[in-house]
Amino acid sequence: MTAAIWQIGSPADPRVFTLAEAEDLLPLVRRITHGAYRELKPVRHLLSTLPPGSGALYEAEEDYECIVKRWVAKMERLGMVVKGLWLVDFDTGDGYLCWRFPELRLAYYHSYCEDYDTRRPLREVIEELDPDWAC
């Protein structure tokens, strides 16, 4: 097995993935996301327990924002399109391979004009459309 080397890019330069490229990158995306999720967990707890208007609440909100922004930046540098918290899309050139933490694999797809709520099982899309990116 050869090690994959990922090109870190600019969020301004969209990346188009084949299914194989997205599947190869997913373990790294999962690790980064899981780490950010674990880092955010105690901050979320603090936010739910601190009194409104307290200085500690303000600090916890800043910590929350910092963790999420750092995660978003990492995902964008890897070429993902961030659609929400722990939700990313891999652009295929005609739609998106859709993944949300803690899913174990890429299993969904949606077109550019659709979103998470209308995503379809990936295997169904491949069987129906036989897209170039699935080869």
N, C-alpha and C. Protein backbone atom coordinates (compact mmCIF):
# COMPACT_ATOMS: atom_id res chain seq x y z
N MET A 1 0.84 -1.18 0.00
CA MET A 1 0.00 0.00 0.00
C MET A 1 0.88 1.24 0.00
N THR A 2 0.61 2.16 -0.88
CA THR A 2 1.38 3.39 -0.93
C THR A 2 0.67 4.46 -0.12
N ALA A 3 1.45 5.32 0.46
CA ALA A 3 0.88 6.42 1.24
C ALA A 3 0.37 7.50 0.31
N ALA A 4 -0.80 7.98 0.61
CA ALA A 4 -1.37 9.07 -0.19
C ALA A 4 -0.76 10.39 0.25
N ILE A 5 -0.43 11.21 -0.70
CA ILE A 5 0.08 12.54 -0.41
C ILE A 5 -0.98 13.51 -0.88
N TRP A 6 -1.48 14.32 0.05
CA TRP A 6 -2.56 15.24 -0.28
C TRP A 6 -2.02 16.61 -0.53
N GLN A 7 -2.51 17.19 -1.56
CA GLN A 7 -2.14 18.55 -1.89
C GLN A 7 -3.04 19.49 -1.11
N ILE A 8 -2.42 20.33 -0.32
CA ILE A 8 -3.16 21.33 0.42
C ILE A 8 -3.34 22.51 -0.51
N GLY A 9 -4.57 22.94 -0.67
CA GLY A 9 -4.84 24.01 -1.61
C GLY A 9 -5.43 25.23 -0.94
N SER A 10 -5.83 26.14 -1.77
CA SER A 10 -6.47 27.36 -1.32
C SER A 10 -7.98 27.16 -1.40
N PRO A 11 -8.73 27.65 -0.41
CA PRO A 11 -10.19 27.54 -0.49
C PRO A 11 -10.76 28.21 -1.73
N ALA A 12 -10.03 29.14 -2.31
CA ALA A 12 -10.50 29.83 -3.51
C ALA A 12 -10.38 28.96 -4.76
N ASP A 13 -9.57 27.88 -4.69
CA ASP A 13 -9.38 26.98 -5.81
C ASP A 13 -10.18 25.71 -5.59
N PRO A 14 -11.36 25.60 -6.19
CA PRO A 14 -12.17 24.41 -5.97
C PRO A 14 -11.48 23.16 -6.48
N ARG A 15 -11.67 22.08 -5.79
CA ARG A 15 -11.08 20.81 -6.18
C ARG A 15 -12.19 19.87 -6.61
N VAL A 16 -11.95 19.14 -7.67
CA VAL A 16 -12.91 18.16 -8.15
C VAL A 16 -12.34 16.78 -7.86
N PHE A 17 -13.16 15.92 -7.25
CA PHE A 17 -12.74 14.60 -6.80
C PHE A 17 -13.39 13.49 -7.63
N THR A 18 -12.65 12.42 -7.83
CA THR A 18 -13.26 11.17 -8.25
C THR A 18 -13.71 10.47 -6.97
N LEU A 19 -14.52 9.46 -7.10
CA LEU A 19 -14.95 8.71 -5.93
C LEU A 19 -13.74 8.08 -5.22
N ALA A 20 -12.81 7.54 -5.97
CA ALA A 20 -11.63 6.92 -5.37
C ALA A 20 -10.80 7.94 -4.60
N GLU A 21 -10.62 9.13 -5.15
CA GLU A 21 -9.86 10.17 -4.45
C GLU A 21 -10.56 10.58 -3.16
N ALA A 22 -11.87 10.74 -3.22
CA ALA A 22 -12.63 11.12 -2.03
C ALA A 22 -12.55 10.02 -0.97
N GLU A 23 -12.68 8.77 -1.38
CA GLU A 23 -12.59 7.66 -0.43
C GLU A 23 -11.21 7.56 0.19
N ASP A 24 -10.17 7.85 -0.58
CA ASP A 24 -8.81 7.84 -0.04
C ASP A 24 -8.59 8.95 0.99
N LEU A 25 -9.22 10.08 0.77
CA LEU A 25 -9.06 11.23 1.66
C LEU A 25 -9.95 11.15 2.89
N LEU A 26 -11.02 10.40 2.82
CA LEU A 26 -11.99 10.36 3.91
C LEU A 26 -11.39 9.98 5.27
N PRO A 27 -10.48 9.02 5.39
CA PRO A 27 -9.93 8.72 6.72
C PRO A 27 -9.27 9.94 7.37
N LEU A 28 -8.58 10.76 6.60
CA LEU A 28 -7.97 11.98 7.14
C LEU A 28 -9.05 12.97 7.55
N VAL A 29 -10.07 13.14 6.72
CA VAL A 29 -11.18 14.03 7.04
C VAL A 29 -11.87 13.57 8.32
N ARG A 30 -12.07 12.28 8.47
CA ARG A 30 -12.70 11.73 9.68
C ARG A 30 -11.83 11.99 10.91
N ARG A 31 -10.52 11.78 10.80
CA ARG A 31 -9.62 12.01 11.95
C ARG A 31 -9.64 13.46 12.39
N ILE A 32 -9.52 14.36 11.43
CA ILE A 32 -9.53 15.80 11.74
C ILE A 32 -10.87 16.19 12.37
N THR A 33 -11.95 15.71 11.80
CA THR A 33 -13.28 16.04 12.30
C THR A 33 -13.50 15.46 13.69
N HIS A 34 -13.11 14.22 13.88
CA HIS A 34 -13.28 13.60 15.20
C HIS A 34 -12.48 14.35 16.26
N GLY A 35 -11.27 14.78 15.91
CA GLY A 35 -10.46 15.56 16.85
C GLY A 35 -11.13 16.88 17.22
N ALA A 36 -11.67 17.57 16.24
CA ALA A 36 -12.35 18.84 16.50
C ALA A 36 -13.62 18.60 17.31
N TYR A 37 -14.33 17.54 17.01
CA TYR A 37 -15.55 17.19 17.76
C TYR A 37 -15.22 16.96 19.24
N ARG A 38 -14.16 16.18 19.49
CA ARG A 38 -13.75 15.92 20.88
C ARG A 38 -13.31 17.21 21.57
N GLU A 39 -12.59 18.06 20.86
CA GLU A 39 -12.12 19.32 21.43
C GLU A 39 -13.30 20.24 21.76
N LEU A 40 -14.35 20.17 20.98
CA LEU A 40 -15.50 21.06 21.17
C LEU A 40 -16.45 20.57 22.27
N LYS A 41 -16.42 19.29 22.58
CA LYS A 41 -17.38 18.71 23.53
C LYS A 41 -17.39 19.43 24.89
N PRO A 42 -16.24 19.64 25.55
CA PRO A 42 -16.30 20.34 26.84
C PRO A 42 -16.73 21.80 26.71
N VAL A 43 -16.44 22.42 25.59
CA VAL A 43 -16.86 23.80 25.38
C VAL A 43 -18.38 23.86 25.26
N ARG A 44 -18.97 22.91 24.57
CA ARG A 44 -20.43 22.85 24.45
C ARG A 44 -21.07 22.69 25.82
N HIS A 45 -20.45 21.84 26.64
CA HIS A 45 -20.97 21.65 28.00
C HIS A 45 -20.93 22.96 28.79
N LEU A 46 -19.80 23.66 28.69
CA LEU A 46 -19.68 24.95 29.38
C LEU A 46 -20.76 25.93 28.91
N LEU A 47 -20.97 25.99 27.62
CA LEU A 47 -21.96 26.91 27.06
C LEU A 47 -23.37 26.63 27.61
N SER A 48 -23.64 25.38 27.90
CA SER A 48 -24.97 25.04 28.40
C SER A 48 -25.12 25.28 29.90
N THR A 49 -24.01 25.51 30.60
CA THR A 49 -24.09 25.66 32.06
C THR A 49 -23.77 27.05 32.57
N LEU A 50 -23.10 27.86 31.78
CA LEU A 50 -22.70 29.19 32.25
C LEU A 50 -23.87 30.18 32.20
N PRO A 51 -23.91 31.09 33.16
CA PRO A 51 -25.00 32.08 33.17
C PRO A 51 -24.84 33.10 32.04
N PRO A 52 -25.96 33.54 31.47
CA PRO A 52 -25.91 34.54 30.40
C PRO A 52 -25.19 35.80 30.85
N GLY A 53 -24.41 36.36 29.95
CA GLY A 53 -23.72 37.62 30.23
C GLY A 53 -22.44 37.49 31.02
N SER A 54 -22.07 36.30 31.41
CA SER A 54 -20.84 36.15 32.20
C SER A 54 -19.62 36.22 31.29
N GLY A 55 -18.51 36.66 31.86
CA GLY A 55 -17.25 36.70 31.12
C GLY A 55 -16.81 35.33 30.67
N ALA A 56 -17.06 34.32 31.50
CA ALA A 56 -16.69 32.95 31.15
C ALA A 56 -17.49 32.45 29.96
N LEU A 57 -18.75 32.88 29.86
CA LEU A 57 -19.58 32.50 28.72
C LEU A 57 -19.01 33.11 27.43
N TYR A 58 -18.60 34.36 27.51
CA TYR A 58 -18.01 35.03 26.36
C TYR A 58 -16.75 34.29 25.91
N GLU A 59 -15.91 33.89 26.86
CA GLU A 59 -14.68 33.15 26.53
C GLU A 59 -15.00 31.79 25.91
N ALA A 60 -16.01 31.11 26.44
CA ALA A 60 -16.39 29.81 25.90
C ALA A 60 -16.92 29.96 24.47
N GLU A 61 -17.66 31.02 24.21
CA GLU A 61 -18.15 31.27 22.85
C GLU A 61 -17.00 31.52 21.89
N GLU A 62 -15.99 32.25 22.35
CA GLU A 62 -14.81 32.48 21.51
C GLU A 62 -14.07 31.18 21.25
N ASP A 63 -13.94 30.33 22.27
CA ASP A 63 -13.28 29.03 22.10
C ASP A 63 -14.04 28.18 21.08
N TYR A 64 -15.35 28.16 21.20
CA TYR A 64 -16.20 27.41 20.27
C TYR A 64 -15.95 27.87 18.84
N GLU A 65 -16.02 29.17 18.64
CA GLU A 65 -15.82 29.74 17.31
C GLU A 65 -14.43 29.43 16.76
N CYS A 66 -13.43 29.50 17.60
CA CYS A 66 -12.06 29.22 17.18
C CYS A 66 -11.90 27.77 16.71
N ILE A 67 -12.45 26.83 17.48
CA ILE A 67 -12.35 25.41 17.13
C ILE A 67 -13.06 25.14 15.81
N VAL A 68 -14.26 25.69 15.65
CA VAL A 68 -15.03 25.45 14.42
C VAL A 68 -14.33 26.10 13.22
N LYS A 69 -13.85 27.33 13.38
CA LYS A 69 -13.16 28.01 12.27
C LYS A 69 -11.90 27.25 11.85
N ARG A 70 -11.18 26.71 12.82
CA ARG A 70 -9.96 25.94 12.51
C ARG A 70 -10.34 24.68 11.73
N TRP A 71 -11.42 24.00 12.13
CA TRP A 71 -11.88 22.81 11.42
C TRP A 71 -12.29 23.18 9.99
N VAL A 72 -13.06 24.25 9.83
CA VAL A 72 -13.51 24.69 8.51
C VAL A 72 -12.31 24.97 7.61
N ALA A 73 -11.33 25.68 8.14
CA ALA A 73 -10.14 26.02 7.34
C ALA A 73 -9.40 24.76 6.88
N LYS A 74 -9.28 23.78 7.75
CA LYS A 74 -8.61 22.53 7.38
C LYS A 74 -9.38 21.81 6.28
N MET A 75 -10.69 21.75 6.41
CA MET A 75 -11.51 21.07 5.40
C MET A 75 -11.40 21.79 4.06
N GLU A 76 -11.46 23.10 4.07
CA GLU A 76 -11.37 23.86 2.83
C GLU A 76 -10.00 23.70 2.18
N ARG A 77 -8.94 23.65 2.98
CA ARG A 77 -7.61 23.46 2.41
C ARG A 77 -7.46 22.08 1.77
N LEU A 78 -8.21 21.11 2.26
CA LEU A 78 -8.18 19.78 1.65
C LEU A 78 -9.07 19.68 0.41
N GLY A 79 -9.84 20.73 0.15
CA GLY A 79 -10.67 20.77 -1.05
C GLY A 79 -12.14 20.50 -0.82
N MET A 80 -12.53 20.34 0.43
CA MET A 80 -13.93 20.09 0.75
C MET A 80 -14.75 21.37 0.65
N VAL A 81 -16.05 21.21 0.45
CA VAL A 81 -17.01 22.30 0.53
C VAL A 81 -17.73 22.08 1.86
N VAL A 82 -17.55 22.99 2.79
CA VAL A 82 -18.17 22.86 4.11
C VAL A 82 -19.61 23.36 4.02
N LYS A 83 -20.56 22.49 4.41
CA LYS A 83 -21.97 22.82 4.32
C LYS A 83 -22.62 23.02 5.68
N GLY A 84 -21.91 22.69 6.73
CA GLY A 84 -22.44 22.83 8.08
C GLY A 84 -21.46 22.24 9.06
N LEU A 85 -21.82 22.27 10.32
CA LEU A 85 -20.93 21.72 11.34
C LEU A 85 -20.81 20.21 11.17
N TRP A 86 -19.59 19.76 10.91
CA TRP A 86 -19.22 18.36 10.69
C TRP A 86 -19.86 17.80 9.41
N LEU A 87 -20.22 18.67 8.48
CA LEU A 87 -20.84 18.27 7.22
C LEU A 87 -20.04 18.84 6.05
N VAL A 88 -19.49 17.94 5.22
CA VAL A 88 -18.69 18.38 4.08
C VAL A 88 -19.14 17.66 2.82
N ASP A 89 -18.87 18.32 1.70
CA ASP A 89 -19.13 17.75 0.39
C ASP A 89 -17.84 17.70 -0.41
N PHE A 90 -17.70 16.63 -1.18
CA PHE A 90 -16.61 16.48 -2.13
C PHE A 90 -17.20 16.77 -3.50
N ASP A 91 -16.72 17.80 -4.18
CA ASP A 91 -17.24 18.19 -5.49
C ASP A 91 -16.78 17.18 -6.54
N THR A 92 -17.71 16.64 -7.32
CA THR A 92 -17.37 15.67 -8.36
C THR A 92 -17.35 16.28 -9.75
N GLY A 93 -17.73 17.52 -9.85
CA GLY A 93 -17.82 18.15 -11.16
C GLY A 93 -19.25 18.21 -11.68
N ASP A 94 -20.13 17.34 -11.13
CA ASP A 94 -21.54 17.44 -11.49
C ASP A 94 -22.46 17.32 -10.27
N GLY A 95 -21.88 17.33 -9.10
CA GLY A 95 -22.63 17.24 -7.85
C GLY A 95 -21.67 16.95 -6.72
N TYR A 96 -22.21 16.52 -5.59
CA TYR A 96 -21.39 16.33 -4.40
C TYR A 96 -21.53 14.95 -3.79
N LEU A 97 -20.38 14.39 -3.40
CA LEU A 97 -20.37 13.26 -2.50
C LEU A 97 -20.50 13.88 -1.11
N CYS A 98 -21.49 13.46 -0.37
CA CYS A 98 -21.86 14.13 0.87
C CYS A 98 -21.48 13.26 2.07
N TRP A 99 -20.81 13.85 3.05
CA TRP A 99 -20.41 13.12 4.26
C TRP A 99 -20.66 13.98 5.50
N ARG A 100 -21.18 13.33 6.53
CA ARG A 100 -21.40 14.01 7.81
C ARG A 100 -20.88 13.12 8.93
N PHE A 101 -20.08 13.72 9.81
CA PHE A 101 -19.58 13.02 10.98
C PHE A 101 -20.76 12.60 11.85
N PRO A 102 -20.82 11.38 12.31
CA PRO A 102 -19.81 10.33 12.39
C PRO A 102 -19.96 9.20 11.37
N GLU A 103 -20.52 9.47 10.20
CA GLU A 103 -20.66 8.41 9.19
C GLU A 103 -19.30 7.77 8.94
N LEU A 104 -19.31 6.46 8.69
CA LEU A 104 -18.07 5.71 8.54
C LEU A 104 -17.52 5.73 7.12
N ARG A 105 -18.40 6.02 6.15
CA ARG A 105 -17.95 5.99 4.75
C ARG A 105 -18.75 6.99 3.92
N LEU A 106 -18.27 7.21 2.71
CA LEU A 106 -19.02 8.03 1.77
C LEU A 106 -20.16 7.17 1.23
N ALA A 107 -21.37 7.57 1.51
CA ALA A 107 -22.50 6.74 1.10
C ALA A 107 -23.62 7.54 0.46
N TYR A 108 -23.42 8.86 0.28
CA TYR A 108 -24.50 9.69 -0.23
C TYR A 108 -24.00 10.68 -1.28
N TYR A 109 -24.93 11.11 -2.11
CA TYR A 109 -24.65 12.04 -3.19
C TYR A 109 -25.84 12.99 -3.32
N HIS A 110 -25.56 14.23 -3.71
CA HIS A 110 -26.64 15.14 -4.11
C HIS A 110 -26.12 16.07 -5.19
N SER A 111 -27.03 16.53 -6.04
CA SER A 111 -26.66 17.43 -7.14
C SER A 111 -26.36 18.82 -6.58
N TYR A 112 -25.88 19.69 -7.44
CA TYR A 112 -25.56 21.05 -7.02
C TYR A 112 -26.79 21.80 -6.50
N CYS A 113 -27.95 21.53 -7.07
CA CYS A 113 -29.15 22.27 -6.66
C CYS A 113 -29.90 21.61 -5.51
N GLU A 114 -29.34 20.54 -4.96
CA GLU A 114 -29.94 19.87 -3.81
C GLU A 114 -29.04 20.04 -2.60
N ASP A 115 -29.47 19.48 -1.47
CA ASP A 115 -28.67 19.61 -0.26
C ASP A 115 -28.75 18.33 0.58
N TYR A 116 -28.25 18.41 1.79
CA TYR A 116 -28.18 17.27 2.70
C TYR A 116 -29.53 16.55 2.83
N ASP A 117 -30.59 17.32 2.94
CA ASP A 117 -31.92 16.73 3.15
C ASP A 117 -32.42 15.93 1.95
N THR A 118 -31.86 16.17 0.78
CA THR A 118 -32.31 15.46 -0.42
C THR A 118 -31.24 14.53 -0.98
N ARG A 119 -30.21 14.27 -0.20
CA ARG A 119 -29.15 13.39 -0.69
C ARG A 119 -29.67 11.98 -0.90
N ARG A 120 -29.04 11.30 -1.85
CA ARG A 120 -29.46 9.95 -2.24
C ARG A 120 -28.34 8.97 -1.98
N PRO A 121 -28.68 7.70 -1.79
CA PRO A 121 -27.63 6.69 -1.61
C PRO A 121 -26.69 6.68 -2.82
N LEU A 122 -25.41 6.69 -2.54
CA LEU A 122 -24.38 6.76 -3.58
C LEU A 122 -24.50 5.61 -4.57
N ARG A 123 -24.66 4.41 -4.09
CA ARG A 123 -24.73 3.24 -4.99
C ARG A 123 -25.91 3.36 -5.96
N GLU A 124 -27.01 3.90 -5.47
CA GLU A 124 -28.19 4.11 -6.32
C GLU A 124 -27.86 5.10 -7.45
N VAL A 125 -27.17 6.17 -7.13
CA VAL A 125 -26.80 7.18 -8.12
C VAL A 125 -25.84 6.59 -9.15
N ILE A 126 -24.87 5.82 -8.68
CA ILE A 126 -23.89 5.21 -9.59
C ILE A 126 -24.58 4.24 -10.55
N GLU A 127 -25.48 3.42 -10.03
CA GLU A 127 -26.20 2.47 -10.88
C GLU A 127 -27.09 3.17 -11.90
N GLU A 128 -27.71 4.25 -11.48
CA GLU A 128 -28.64 4.97 -12.36
C GLU A 128 -27.93 5.82 -13.41
N LEU A 129 -26.87 6.54 -12.99
CA LEU A 129 -26.24 7.53 -13.88
C LEU A 129 -24.91 7.10 -14.47
N ASP A 130 -24.24 6.13 -13.88
CA ASP A 130 -22.90 5.69 -14.31
C ASP A 130 -21.98 6.90 -14.57
N PRO A 131 -21.77 7.75 -13.55
CA PRO A 131 -20.99 8.98 -13.75
C PRO A 131 -19.49 8.69 -13.92
N ASP A 132 -18.83 9.58 -14.65
CA ASP A 132 -17.39 9.45 -14.88
C ASP A 132 -16.59 9.44 -13.58
N TRP A 133 -17.00 10.23 -12.60
CA TRP A 133 -16.25 10.33 -11.36
C TRP A 133 -16.26 9.05 -10.53
N ALA A 134 -17.16 8.12 -10.86
CA ALA A 134 -17.26 6.87 -10.10
C ALA A 134 -16.31 5.79 -10.60
N CYS A 135 -15.66 6.02 -11.73
CA CYS A 135 -14.78 5.01 -12.31
C CYS A 135 -13.46 4.91 -11.58
